Amino acid sequence: MFYIPTNNDVVIIGAGPVGLMTANLLGLYGLKVLLIERNNQPYDVPRAITLDDEGCRTLQAVGLNDLYLPNALPSKGSRYYGENGEPFAEVGPGPVEYGFPRRTQIFQPEFEKTLLDGLSRFNNVTVRYGFKLVSFEQDVDKVDLTILGPDGESFDVIASYLIGSDGARSTVRQILNIEMLGNSYPEDWLIIDTINDPDTEPVSKFFCSSQQPYVSIPAPNGGRRYEFRALREETSADLLHIPNIQARLKPIRDLAQGDIIRVAIYTFEAKIAASWQTGRAFLLGDAAHVTPPFAGQGMNAGLRDAHNLSWKLFLVCKGQSGPSILQSYETERRGPCWAMIQLAVAMGDIVMPRDHSDITFRNSLVKWMDRFPAAREFITQMKFKPPPRYTDGIFVNLDDQEFTGSLVGQMLPQIPVKYLNGTDVKLDKILGHGFTLIVQDEGTLEFLHQIKHQLWPELACKIVAIGERLIAAPDNVIRLQPKSDTSVKQLRSHRDQIILIRPDRYVAASFDQYNYKQVIPKLSSLLS
């Protein structure tokens, strides 16, 4: 006999990384959550292999970064090899803006175990493996679900909201009859995850041969992933035959059968759901979007979905905001997600060209970059990746900021800081999982104290001061000093203002004594 809570704030379908992260975020907020997974246990093979800096920051938001990241492998960048086997471009690790390396290589089973173990902190979160969603119906007040247990027992469950994080073949999406829009790549790819690899360089390597392109990606624990584009004449049986796999890797490394963790055949897709919300039901992660792997953004995009939606569900479930705020989830996330998908497609076209004209274009582009250092820096510093910025949503005066350096609509840099006594501390540890008001000098702080009773009391904003010449005072303000770092300059652009930071680390508003009376009601309206 299994226990399933019948009344929940949120039911999550799918216990992959996105579902587990969402459950951790909602668990921190104190919501009553049921997470179900149709498989009997977590996957024990790697699928996603890269966690980007934003994903690490989300892991930090649920307090699990120190538990997992020491076991991961910070990436040192990427290298691209041409037809002759010589490197033609290299991408360095890039600057640290959000507190973590741009890319960290992970072993997904260990990553998921950390997230799953993290849920044991919450009495308000129930996790059940071996349960599957059969059907659901919703009305204006709730979602009614039918769930089937591992022994065939049926359960009727009620939720205020439903989240489908159940992958590219999402049952939730199918029941909602939502179409996936986009394209599939015309060829299959063979994925081989290995251990005991002689190549220990923490660099992703793209071998851009027109005949047999492949990618070599570092993994923790002495592992490596190889991705080969299948030849048109190769069958699935050919691709999965161990002697054929060993022969394929022979020019690269000797491969004992015991060195193979996983072999799989993938068809890469670039698709996005026609809608991410229907009433009280939401799609997250691969249920809402699937992307080719060349930019390493599949799982990471889903983690951004989780962080974006979770705090909004909390406000609504606790009556601190109206349900219309939930529409901003798709409004904010859809555009950046599609931009990432297009980036991955473009990288695939350049890295893995099929015909002679594409190869000629790619080689010409490389030579052109040699003549223009700024263009090469665009590649080597990973400036091609769309920045974490929203063009619409829960932001005040997003298109009407006083200066071009405004952070409104952007993710706040996680600048290195210390307490006034000199002790180092991570900024996000101070921010917590609620809203924060940041000031940078005593004068602005004095003004904030005069008006703080007007500043959205329902949000219970934390007050943080970050500045060089702050004075310790017993006024419930956390005072920090910035350490030397280029990202501090971005924050200093708001040195005469108060800025409001959302729980997902995006800057919602900036204001001063001259415009605060206009900003306050505008944000209140967005949250109503």
Protein backbone atom coordinates (compact mmCIF):
# COMPACT_ATOMS: atom_id res chain seq x y z
CA MET A 1 0.00 0.00 0.00
CA PHE A 2 1.46 3.33 -1.07
CA TYR A 3 0.78 6.74 0.39
CA ILE A 4 0.04 9.62 -1.97
CA PRO A 5 -1.00 13.05 -0.61
CA THR A 6 -4.34 13.85 -2.18
CA ASN A 7 -4.25 17.65 -1.88
CA ASN A 8 -1.21 19.56 -3.11
CA ASP A 9 -0.18 23.03 -4.12
CA VAL A 10 1.80 21.65 -7.07
CA VAL A 11 2.09 18.23 -8.70
CA ILE A 12 5.20 17.72 -10.82
CA ILE A 13 5.29 14.99 -13.45
CA GLY A 14 8.82 13.83 -14.25
CA ALA A 15 11.79 13.52 -11.87
CA GLY A 16 14.63 14.38 -14.19
CA PRO A 17 16.94 17.30 -13.34
CA VAL A 18 14.28 19.92 -14.15
CA GLY A 19 11.54 18.28 -12.08
CA LEU A 20 13.92 17.66 -9.17
CA MET A 21 15.18 21.25 -9.26
CA THR A 22 11.63 22.61 -9.39
CA ALA A 23 10.68 20.47 -6.38
CA ASN A 24 13.69 21.79 -4.44
CA LEU A 25 12.79 25.39 -5.24
CA LEU A 26 9.15 24.93 -4.28
CA GLY A 27 10.21 22.98 -1.21
CA LEU A 28 12.23 25.96 -0.03
CA TYR A 29 9.13 28.12 -0.41
CA GLY A 30 7.13 25.77 1.81
CA LEU A 31 4.64 24.69 -0.84
CA LYS A 32 3.10 21.23 -0.64
CA VAL A 33 4.54 19.34 -3.61
CA LEU A 34 4.05 15.87 -5.08
CA LEU A 35 6.71 14.74 -7.56
CA ILE A 36 6.05 11.53 -9.49
CA GLU A 37 8.23 9.62 -11.94
CA ARG A 38 7.07 6.72 -14.08
CA ASN A 39 10.42 4.91 -13.91
CA ASN A 40 11.00 2.78 -10.85
CA GLN A 41 14.25 4.51 -9.95
CA PRO A 42 16.45 7.38 -11.11
CA TYR A 43 18.39 6.91 -14.34
CA ASP A 44 21.87 5.48 -13.74
CA VAL A 45 23.37 6.61 -17.07
CA PRO A 46 24.55 10.08 -18.15
CA ARG A 47 22.44 12.11 -20.54
CA ALA A 48 23.05 15.82 -19.95
CA ILE A 49 26.76 16.43 -19.44
CA THR A 50 27.14 20.22 -19.13
CA LEU A 51 25.97 22.59 -16.39
CA ASP A 52 26.42 26.25 -17.32
CA ASP A 53 27.03 29.18 -14.96
CA GLU A 54 23.34 30.01 -14.71
CA GLY A 55 22.57 26.37 -13.92
CA CYS A 56 25.22 26.38 -11.19
CA ARG A 57 23.64 29.51 -9.80
CA THR A 58 20.25 27.80 -9.65
CA LEU A 59 21.90 24.89 -7.83
CA GLN A 60 23.32 27.47 -5.43
CA ALA A 61 19.84 28.93 -4.95
CA VAL A 62 18.64 25.62 -3.48
CA GLY A 63 21.75 25.32 -1.29
CA LEU A 64 23.27 22.28 -3.00
CA ASN A 65 26.22 23.73 -4.92
CA ASP A 66 28.79 22.94 -2.24
CA LEU A 67 27.54 19.35 -2.06
CA TYR A 68 27.80 18.61 -5.76
CA LEU A 69 30.15 20.97 -7.61
CA PRO A 70 33.37 19.74 -5.92
CA ASN A 71 32.69 16.42 -7.72
CA ALA A 72 32.21 18.10 -11.11
CA LEU A 73 34.78 19.19 -13.70
CA PRO A 74 35.13 22.89 -14.59
CA SER A 75 35.57 23.22 -18.35
CA LYS A 76 38.51 25.03 -19.87
CA GLY A 77 36.65 25.78 -23.10
CA SER A 78 36.30 24.29 -26.58
CA ARG A 79 38.58 23.64 -29.55
CA TYR A 80 37.58 23.22 -33.20
CA TYR A 81 39.52 21.07 -35.68
CA GLY A 82 39.30 21.35 -39.46
CA GLU A 83 39.48 18.81 -42.30
CA ASN A 84 43.24 18.48 -41.87
CA GLY A 85 42.96 17.65 -38.19
CA GLU A 86 44.51 20.96 -37.15
CA PRO A 87 42.73 23.32 -34.75
CA PHE A 88 41.25 26.40 -36.41
CA ALA A 89 39.54 28.08 -33.42
CA GLU A 90 39.52 27.87 -29.65
CA VAL A 91 37.07 29.16 -27.08
CA GLY A 92 38.52 29.85 -23.66
CA PRO A 93 36.70 29.34 -20.37
CA GLY A 94 35.46 32.94 -20.52
CA PRO A 95 35.03 35.40 -17.66
CA VAL A 96 33.19 34.50 -14.46
CA GLU A 97 30.17 36.80 -14.15
CA TYR A 98 27.64 34.84 -12.15
CA GLY A 99 29.88 33.17 -9.59
CA PHE A 100 30.79 30.03 -11.55
CA PRO A 101 32.67 28.92 -14.68
CA ARG A 102 30.78 29.30 -17.94
CA ARG A 103 30.65 25.51 -18.31
CA THR A 104 31.03 22.70 -15.78
CA GLN A 105 31.04 19.06 -16.87
CA ILE A 106 28.79 16.81 -14.78
CA PHE A 107 27.88 13.16 -14.36
CA GLN A 108 24.10 13.32 -14.46
CA PRO A 109 23.31 10.38 -12.14
CA GLU A 110 25.39 12.03 -9.39
CA PHE A 111 23.82 15.41 -10.12
CA GLU A 112 20.30 13.97 -9.90
CA LYS A 113 21.17 12.12 -6.70
CA THR A 114 22.23 15.40 -5.11
CA LEU A 115 18.93 17.00 -6.12
CA LEU A 116 16.93 13.99 -4.93
CA ASP A 117 18.75 13.85 -1.60
CA GLY A 118 18.10 17.59 -1.25
CA LEU A 119 14.37 16.93 -1.17
CA SER A 120 14.75 14.97 2.07
CA ARG A 121 15.07 18.38 3.78
CA PHE A 122 11.39 19.11 3.18
CA ASN A 123 8.44 17.51 4.94
CA ASN A 124 6.24 19.33 2.44
CA VAL A 125 7.64 17.45 -0.61
CA THR A 126 6.67 13.87 -1.50
CA VAL A 127 8.58 11.93 -4.19
CA ARG A 128 7.24 8.73 -5.72
CA TYR A 129 8.99 6.59 -8.34
CA GLY A 130 7.10 3.96 -10.32
CA PHE A 131 3.97 6.13 -10.56
CA LYS A 132 2.59 7.47 -13.81
CA LEU A 133 0.07 10.06 -14.84
CA VAL A 134 -3.01 8.55 -16.49
CA SER A 135 -5.18 11.62 -17.04
CA PHE A 136 -6.11 15.00 -15.64
CA GLU A 137 -8.84 17.61 -15.92
CA GLN A 138 -8.82 21.17 -14.70
CA ASP A 139 -11.24 23.92 -13.86
CA VAL A 140 -10.85 27.49 -12.63
CA ASP A 141 -9.92 26.34 -9.10
CA LYS A 142 -7.86 23.15 -9.36
CA VAL A 143 -6.44 20.26 -11.35
CA ASP A 144 -7.84 16.76 -10.81
CA LEU A 145 -5.36 13.99 -11.65
CA THR A 146 -5.55 10.23 -11.91
CA ILE A 147 -2.25 8.53 -11.09
CA LEU A 148 -1.42 4.83 -11.38
CA GLY A 149 0.85 3.20 -8.81
CA PRO A 150 3.41 0.44 -9.46
CA ASP A 151 0.99 -2.26 -8.28
CA GLY A 152 -1.83 -1.00 -10.49
CA GLU A 153 -3.63 0.94 -7.77
CA SER A 154 -5.28 4.16 -8.96
CA PHE A 155 -5.05 7.41 -7.01
CA ASP A 156 -7.15 10.55 -7.34
CA VAL A 157 -5.05 13.63 -6.61
CA ILE A 158 -5.92 17.33 -6.46
CA ALA A 159 -3.43 20.14 -7.15
CA SER A 160 -3.63 23.88 -7.46
CA TYR A 161 -1.13 23.66 -10.33
CA LEU A 162 0.41 20.98 -12.53
CA ILE A 163 3.94 20.99 -13.97
CA GLY A 164 4.93 18.74 -16.84
CA SER A 165 8.69 18.25 -16.75
CA ASP A 166 8.33 14.80 -18.27
CA GLY A 167 10.62 15.08 -21.26
CA ALA A 168 10.39 15.36 -25.01
CA ARG A 169 7.57 12.79 -25.17
CA SER A 170 5.66 14.54 -22.39
CA THR A 171 2.41 12.91 -21.30
CA VAL A 172 1.24 16.25 -19.92
CA ARG A 173 1.80 17.93 -23.29
CA GLN A 174 0.02 15.13 -25.14
CA ILE A 175 -3.02 15.32 -22.85
CA LEU A 176 -3.10 19.09 -23.41
CA ASN A 177 -2.84 18.42 -27.17
CA ILE A 178 -0.04 20.96 -27.60
CA GLU A 179 1.96 20.71 -30.82
CA MET A 180 5.76 20.83 -31.02
CA LEU A 181 6.96 23.29 -33.66
CA GLY A 182 10.32 23.09 -35.43
CA ASN A 183 12.55 20.55 -37.15
CA SER A 184 14.47 17.33 -36.66
CA TYR A 185 18.00 16.87 -37.94
CA PRO A 186 18.03 14.55 -40.97
CA GLU A 187 20.63 12.17 -39.51
CA ASP A 188 21.16 10.08 -36.40
CA TRP A 189 24.02 10.51 -33.98
CA LEU A 190 25.81 7.82 -32.01
CA ILE A 191 26.51 8.76 -28.38
CA ILE A 192 29.22 6.84 -26.50
CA ASP A 193 29.94 7.57 -22.83
CA THR A 194 33.23 6.14 -21.62
CA ILE A 195 35.48 5.89 -18.57
CA ASN A 196 39.26 5.44 -18.26
CA ASP A 197 39.80 7.81 -21.14
CA PRO A 198 43.44 8.72 -21.90
CA ASP A 199 42.37 12.25 -22.92
CA THR A 200 42.05 14.09 -19.62
CA GLU A 201 42.13 17.63 -21.04
CA PRO A 202 39.01 19.46 -19.76
CA VAL A 203 38.29 20.86 -23.22
CA SER A 204 35.42 19.97 -25.57
CA LYS A 205 36.79 19.11 -29.00
CA PHE A 206 34.82 19.45 -32.22
CA PHE A 207 36.26 17.54 -35.17
CA CYS A 208 34.63 19.17 -38.16
CA SER A 209 35.30 16.62 -40.88
CA SER A 210 32.80 16.50 -43.70
CA GLN A 211 33.16 12.70 -43.85
CA GLN A 212 33.01 11.69 -40.19
CA PRO A 213 32.41 14.64 -37.85
CA TYR A 214 32.43 13.95 -34.13
CA VAL A 215 32.61 15.67 -30.77
CA SER A 216 34.75 14.70 -27.78
CA ILE A 217 33.49 16.10 -24.46
CA PRO A 218 35.23 15.76 -21.08
CA ALA A 219 33.37 14.20 -18.17
CA PRO A 220 34.12 13.87 -14.45
CA ASN A 221 35.82 10.83 -12.96
CA GLY A 222 38.15 10.29 -15.92
CA GLY A 223 35.30 9.93 -18.39
CA ARG A 224 34.62 11.29 -21.85
CA ARG A 225 31.66 11.43 -24.22
CA TYR A 226 31.96 10.89 -27.97
CA GLU A 227 29.24 11.94 -30.39
CA PHE A 228 29.50 10.71 -34.00
CA ARG A 229 27.23 11.64 -36.86
CA ALA A 230 26.03 8.36 -38.35
CA LEU A 231 26.65 7.61 -41.99
CA ARG A 232 23.54 7.29 -44.14
CA GLU A 233 24.14 3.60 -44.83
CA GLU A 234 24.60 2.64 -41.16
CA THR A 235 21.72 0.85 -39.43
CA SER A 236 20.93 0.99 -35.72
CA ALA A 237 22.31 -2.52 -35.34
CA ASP A 238 25.56 -1.42 -37.01
CA LEU A 239 25.88 1.60 -34.78
CA LEU A 240 25.28 -0.28 -31.53
CA HIS A 241 27.47 -3.29 -32.34
CA ILE A 242 30.32 -3.20 -29.79
CA PRO A 243 33.09 -4.30 -32.23
CA ASN A 244 31.98 -1.52 -34.60
CA ILE A 245 32.11 1.00 -31.75
CA GLN A 246 35.60 -0.17 -30.81
CA ALA A 247 36.72 0.11 -34.43
CA ARG A 248 35.25 3.61 -34.72
CA LEU A 249 37.17 4.78 -31.66
CA LYS A 250 40.38 2.91 -32.55
CA PRO A 251 42.06 5.99 -34.10
CA ILE A 252 41.25 7.91 -30.92
CA ARG A 253 41.70 5.39 -28.11
CA ASP A 254 41.65 1.70 -27.28
CA LEU A 255 38.27 0.84 -25.82
CA ALA A 256 37.61 -2.20 -23.65
CA GLN A 257 33.95 -3.17 -23.36
CA GLY A 258 34.12 -2.40 -19.65
CA ASP A 259 35.04 1.21 -20.46
CA ILE A 260 31.62 1.83 -22.04
CA ILE A 261 29.03 3.37 -19.70
CA ARG A 262 26.33 3.96 -22.27
CA VAL A 263 25.69 3.76 -25.99
CA ALA A 264 22.65 5.45 -27.51
CA ILE A 265 21.34 6.70 -30.85
CA TYR A 266 19.86 10.20 -30.90
CA THR A 267 18.00 12.18 -33.50
CA PHE A 268 18.72 15.81 -32.70
CA GLU A 269 15.75 18.15 -32.77
CA ALA A 270 15.18 21.89 -32.67
CA LYS A 271 11.60 22.27 -31.49
CA ILE A 272 9.48 24.38 -29.18
CA ALA A 273 5.95 23.81 -27.86
CA ALA A 274 3.21 25.95 -29.38
CA SER A 275 2.15 26.90 -25.84
CA TRP A 276 3.80 26.43 -22.46
CA GLN A 277 0.72 27.03 -20.34
CA THR A 278 -2.85 25.86 -20.52
CA GLY A 279 -4.88 27.05 -17.56
CA ARG A 280 -3.24 25.64 -14.45
CA ALA A 281 -0.85 23.33 -16.30
CA PHE A 282 2.71 24.28 -17.35
CA LEU A 283 5.43 22.69 -19.46
CA LEU A 284 9.08 22.90 -18.41
CA GLY A 285 12.34 21.62 -19.87
CA ASP A 286 12.25 19.16 -22.76
CA ALA A 287 8.47 19.03 -22.51
CA ALA A 288 8.47 22.64 -23.73
CA HIS A 289 11.59 22.76 -25.93
CA VAL A 290 14.27 20.46 -27.33
CA THR A 291 17.58 21.63 -28.73
CA PRO A 292 20.58 20.17 -30.55
CA PRO A 293 23.50 19.61 -28.18
CA PHE A 294 26.11 21.85 -29.80
CA ALA A 295 25.64 24.73 -27.33
CA GLY A 296 25.15 22.46 -24.29
CA GLN A 297 21.89 24.18 -23.34
CA GLY A 298 19.21 21.49 -23.23
CA MET A 299 19.08 20.79 -19.49
CA ASN A 300 20.26 24.29 -18.62
CA ALA A 301 17.30 25.88 -20.40
CA GLY A 302 15.01 23.69 -18.31
CA LEU A 303 16.71 24.77 -15.08
CA ARG A 304 16.06 28.40 -16.08
CA ASP A 305 12.41 27.49 -16.60
CA ALA A 306 12.29 26.04 -13.09
CA HIS A 307 13.80 29.12 -11.43
CA ASN A 308 11.58 31.48 -13.40
CA LEU A 309 8.28 29.76 -12.63
CA SER A 310 8.84 28.61 -9.04
CA TRP A 311 8.83 31.97 -7.27
CA LYS A 312 5.77 33.05 -9.23
CA LEU A 313 3.87 29.92 -8.18
CA PHE A 314 4.86 30.65 -4.58
CA LEU A 315 3.46 34.19 -4.71
CA VAL A 316 0.19 32.98 -6.22
CA CYS A 317 -0.25 29.97 -3.92
CA LYS A 318 0.38 32.15 -0.87
CA GLY A 319 -2.02 34.84 -2.06
CA GLN A 320 0.67 37.49 -2.46
CA SER A 321 0.02 37.87 -6.18
CA GLY A 322 -2.78 37.26 -8.62
CA PRO A 323 -2.65 34.31 -11.06
CA SER A 324 -2.04 36.61 -14.04
CA ILE A 325 1.63 36.79 -13.01
CA LEU A 326 1.99 33.18 -14.15
CA GLN A 327 1.48 34.23 -17.77
CA SER A 328 4.86 35.97 -17.56
CA TYR A 329 6.57 32.56 -17.39
CA GLU A 330 6.15 31.90 -21.10
CA THR A 331 6.36 35.60 -21.95
CA GLU A 332 9.83 35.79 -20.41
CA ARG A 333 11.25 32.38 -21.22
CA ARG A 334 10.06 31.64 -24.75
CA GLY A 335 12.19 34.19 -26.63
CA PRO A 336 15.51 33.45 -24.89
CA CYS A 337 14.89 29.72 -25.19
CA TRP A 338 14.25 29.95 -28.93
CA ALA A 339 17.39 32.10 -29.28
CA MET A 340 19.41 29.32 -27.63
CA ILE A 341 17.89 26.72 -29.94
CA GLN A 342 18.81 28.83 -32.98
CA LEU A 343 22.33 29.27 -31.61
CA ALA A 344 22.71 25.50 -31.30
CA VAL A 345 21.44 25.01 -34.85
CA ALA A 346 23.84 27.65 -36.18
CA MET A 347 26.76 26.09 -34.32
CA GLY A 348 25.87 22.71 -35.80
CA ASP A 349 25.80 24.15 -39.30
CA ILE A 350 29.26 25.68 -38.86
CA VAL A 351 30.87 22.92 -36.83
CA MET A 352 29.42 19.99 -38.79
CA PRO A 353 29.06 21.15 -42.42
CA ARG A 354 27.87 18.51 -44.87
CA ASP A 355 28.77 19.78 -48.32
CA HIS A 356 31.71 21.51 -49.96
CA SER A 357 30.11 24.96 -50.10
CA ASP A 358 29.42 24.92 -46.34
CA ILE A 359 32.99 23.86 -45.63
CA THR A 360 34.33 26.63 -47.87
CA PHE A 361 32.16 29.19 -46.06
CA ARG A 362 33.30 27.94 -42.66
CA ASN A 363 36.98 28.08 -43.62
CA SER A 364 36.57 31.56 -45.09
CA LEU A 365 34.90 32.69 -41.89
CA VAL A 366 37.84 31.43 -39.85
CA LYS A 367 40.35 33.29 -42.04
CA TRP A 368 38.21 36.43 -41.85
CA MET A 369 38.28 36.27 -38.05
CA ASP A 370 42.10 36.28 -38.16
CA ARG A 371 41.92 39.72 -39.77
CA PHE A 372 39.52 41.13 -37.20
CA PRO A 373 40.54 40.53 -33.56
CA ALA A 374 37.18 41.78 -32.26
CA ALA A 375 35.42 39.08 -34.28
CA ARG A 376 37.72 36.39 -32.91
CA GLU A 377 37.15 37.65 -29.37
CA PHE A 378 33.41 37.33 -30.02
CA ILE A 379 34.04 33.60 -30.41
CA THR A 380 36.88 33.00 -27.95
CA GLN A 381 35.11 34.83 -25.10
CA MET A 382 31.77 33.11 -25.79
CA LYS A 383 30.09 36.44 -26.50
CA PHE A 384 27.93 34.65 -29.06
CA LYS A 385 25.84 33.18 -26.26
CA PRO A 386 22.70 35.30 -25.73
CA PRO A 387 23.07 37.03 -22.36
CA PRO A 388 20.60 36.28 -19.56
CA ARG A 389 18.22 39.10 -20.34
CA TYR A 390 14.47 39.34 -20.77
CA THR A 391 12.74 41.72 -23.16
CA ASP A 392 9.31 41.53 -21.53
CA GLY A 393 7.71 40.39 -18.30
CA ILE A 394 7.76 41.38 -14.62
CA PHE A 395 10.03 44.42 -15.03
CA VAL A 396 9.39 48.14 -14.65
CA ASN A 397 10.16 50.53 -17.50
CA LEU A 398 12.16 47.85 -19.29
CA ASP A 399 12.31 49.85 -22.53
CA ASP A 400 12.64 53.26 -20.90
CA GLN A 401 15.72 53.23 -18.68
CA GLU A 402 17.66 56.40 -18.00
CA PHE A 403 21.02 55.01 -19.14
CA THR A 404 22.30 52.24 -21.42
CA GLY A 405 24.13 50.42 -18.63
CA SER A 406 20.93 49.66 -16.73
CA LEU A 407 20.64 46.11 -15.39
CA VAL A 408 16.83 46.09 -15.40
CA GLY A 409 15.71 42.95 -17.24
CA GLN A 410 19.13 41.33 -16.84
CA MET A 411 20.57 38.82 -14.42
CA LEU A 412 22.45 40.49 -11.59
CA PRO A 413 26.17 39.64 -11.65
CA GLN A 414 27.22 37.65 -8.61
CA ILE A 415 30.00 40.01 -7.68
CA PRO A 416 32.57 38.86 -5.10
CA VAL A 417 31.81 40.47 -1.74
CA LYS A 418 32.85 40.37 1.90
CA TYR A 419 31.37 41.43 5.21
CA LEU A 420 32.61 44.65 6.75
CA ASN A 421 34.86 42.56 9.03
CA GLY A 422 36.65 41.19 5.94
CA THR A 423 35.06 37.73 5.83
CA ASP A 424 34.31 36.55 2.29
CA VAL A 425 30.74 35.52 1.49
CA LYS A 426 28.91 34.59 -1.71
CA LEU A 427 26.43 37.28 -2.71
CA ASP A 428 23.62 34.82 -3.51
CA LYS A 429 23.90 33.32 -0.05
CA ILE A 430 22.95 36.75 1.24
CA LEU A 431 20.17 37.24 -1.31
CA GLY A 432 18.42 34.02 -0.25
CA HIS A 433 15.30 32.90 -2.13
CA GLY A 434 13.12 36.00 -1.79
CA PHE A 435 13.19 39.57 -3.08
CA THR A 436 16.06 41.91 -2.22
CA LEU A 437 16.56 45.66 -2.33
CA ILE A 438 20.17 46.69 -3.00
CA VAL A 439 21.70 50.10 -2.28
CA GLN A 440 25.33 51.21 -2.61
CA ASP A 441 25.90 54.17 -0.29
CA GLU A 442 24.71 55.60 3.02
CA GLY A 443 22.75 58.44 1.45
CA THR A 444 20.64 56.10 -0.68
CA LEU A 445 20.23 53.83 2.32
CA GLU A 446 18.88 56.72 4.38
CA PHE A 447 16.35 57.48 1.64
CA LEU A 448 15.33 53.81 1.51
CA HIS A 449 14.61 53.82 5.25
CA GLN A 450 12.26 56.78 4.73
CA ILE A 451 10.15 55.01 2.10
CA LYS A 452 10.61 51.29 2.87
CA HIS A 453 7.08 50.96 4.25
CA GLN A 454 5.87 51.74 0.71
CA LEU A 455 8.14 49.19 -1.01
CA TRP A 456 5.88 46.18 -1.52
CA PRO A 457 5.55 45.01 2.11
CA GLU A 458 3.87 41.81 0.90
CA LEU A 459 7.22 40.77 -0.65
CA ALA A 460 9.11 41.15 2.66
CA CYS A 461 12.17 42.41 0.80
CA LYS A 462 15.58 41.88 2.33
CA ILE A 463 17.77 45.01 2.35
CA VAL A 464 21.43 44.67 1.30
CA ALA A 465 23.98 47.48 1.06
CA ILE A 466 27.08 46.95 -1.10
CA GLY A 467 29.65 49.72 -0.96
CA GLU A 468 33.20 50.73 -0.10
CA ARG A 469 32.42 53.20 2.71
CA LEU A 470 29.49 51.74 4.58
CA ILE A 471 28.98 52.21 8.31
CA ALA A 472 27.93 49.33 10.54
CA ALA A 473 24.54 50.03 12.13
CA PRO A 474 21.86 47.91 13.88
CA ASP A 475 19.10 48.53 11.33
CA ASN A 476 18.47 45.06 9.82
CA VAL A 477 20.52 45.95 6.76
CA ILE A 478 23.16 43.46 5.59
CA ARG A 479 26.26 45.49 4.75
CA LEU A 480 28.85 44.16 2.30
CA GLN A 481 31.94 45.47 0.58
CA PRO A 482 32.71 44.59 -3.05
CA LYS A 483 35.98 42.91 -3.90
CA SER A 484 37.96 43.91 -6.97
CA ASP A 485 36.24 42.48 -10.04
CA THR A 486 35.13 43.75 -13.45
CA SER A 487 31.51 42.77 -12.73
CA VAL A 488 31.37 45.39 -9.96
CA LYS A 489 31.30 48.08 -12.68
CA GLN A 490 27.91 46.80 -13.86
CA LEU A 491 26.43 47.18 -10.41
CA ARG A 492 28.01 50.61 -9.95
CA SER A 493 25.99 51.91 -12.88
CA HIS A 494 23.11 51.99 -10.36
CA ARG A 495 25.17 53.60 -7.58
CA ASP A 496 22.64 56.39 -6.98
CA GLN A 497 19.59 54.13 -7.16
CA ILE A 498 17.79 51.40 -5.30
CA ILE A 499 17.44 48.20 -7.32
CA LEU A 500 14.95 45.38 -6.72
CA ILE A 501 16.24 41.84 -7.30
CA ARG A 502 13.80 39.01 -8.06
CA PRO A 503 14.26 35.55 -6.50
CA ASP A 504 15.68 34.29 -9.83
CA ARG A 505 18.43 36.96 -9.62
CA TYR A 506 16.99 39.25 -12.31
CA VAL A 507 16.78 42.99 -11.73
CA ALA A 508 13.07 43.89 -11.68
CA ALA A 509 13.29 47.67 -11.16
CA SER A 510 15.59 50.58 -10.35
CA PHE A 511 14.49 53.88 -8.84
CA ASP A 512 15.58 56.91 -6.85
CA GLN A 513 13.96 59.78 -4.98
CA TYR A 514 12.78 61.33 -8.21
CA ASN A 515 10.86 58.44 -9.78
CA TYR A 516 10.01 55.99 -6.98
CA LYS A 517 6.39 57.17 -6.88
CA GLN A 518 5.98 56.01 -10.47
CA VAL A 519 7.89 52.72 -10.10
CA ILE A 520 6.09 51.44 -6.98
CA PRO A 521 2.56 51.30 -8.47
CA LYS A 522 3.85 49.93 -11.80
CA LEU A 523 5.45 46.91 -10.15
CA SER A 524 2.44 46.46 -7.87
CA SER A 525 0.27 46.33 -10.97
CA LEU A 526 2.53 43.68 -12.57
CA LEU A 527 2.31 41.55 -9.43
CA SER A 528 -1.42 41.96 -8.89
